[in-house]
Amino acid sequence: MKIENTSKIAIQDNRSTCPVSTALEIVGDQWSLILIRDLFLQRTTFSDFRNSPENISTNILSDRIHKLSHYNLIAHRVHPKNRKIKQYYLTEAGMKLYSMIYELSMWSKEYLDMEFHPLSNEWYQNTDGVKREKVIEETIKEYKKFKEKLLMAS
């Protein structure tokens, strides 16, 4: 099992000393939080990410995987049965971004007039009336169980 680096992310040559601006430089593009969301949905491979409904192009997907890995938000292991496949997973820092996904989802439900994906509708039903902190805590807890199984599988 790979030991994760839990130290702070080294930032060099950032254009701003504002923490929001710097965080957005890392995860504020159109695709990074979608990849983090997909990892929480237990999608782990390049193909899994490509098959998401958003249809991210392969070159952008490769770039975002590299960027998120560089900032230690995701890591990977080689699939035990097929060495050509990398299985990606969230680091501790990556898991902490779930609260952002939660808030964006709740904002969308409240302010966007549109049809949501069936998985989103199911999530809204399952979390209706549940406190924010509990949803976030339980989601991260479930992901950690999944990750542990993933990393132990051989």
Foldseek 3Di string as FASTA:
>chain_A
DDDADPDAFDDPPDPDPDPVSVVCVQQVDPPLVVVLVQQLVVQWWLVSSCPPPVNDDSVVSVVSVVSCVNRQQKDWDQPPVHNVIIGMHGDPNVLVCVLVVVVVLVCCVPPPDDDDDPVSVVVCVVCVPPDSVVVSVVSSVVSVVVVVCRVPDD
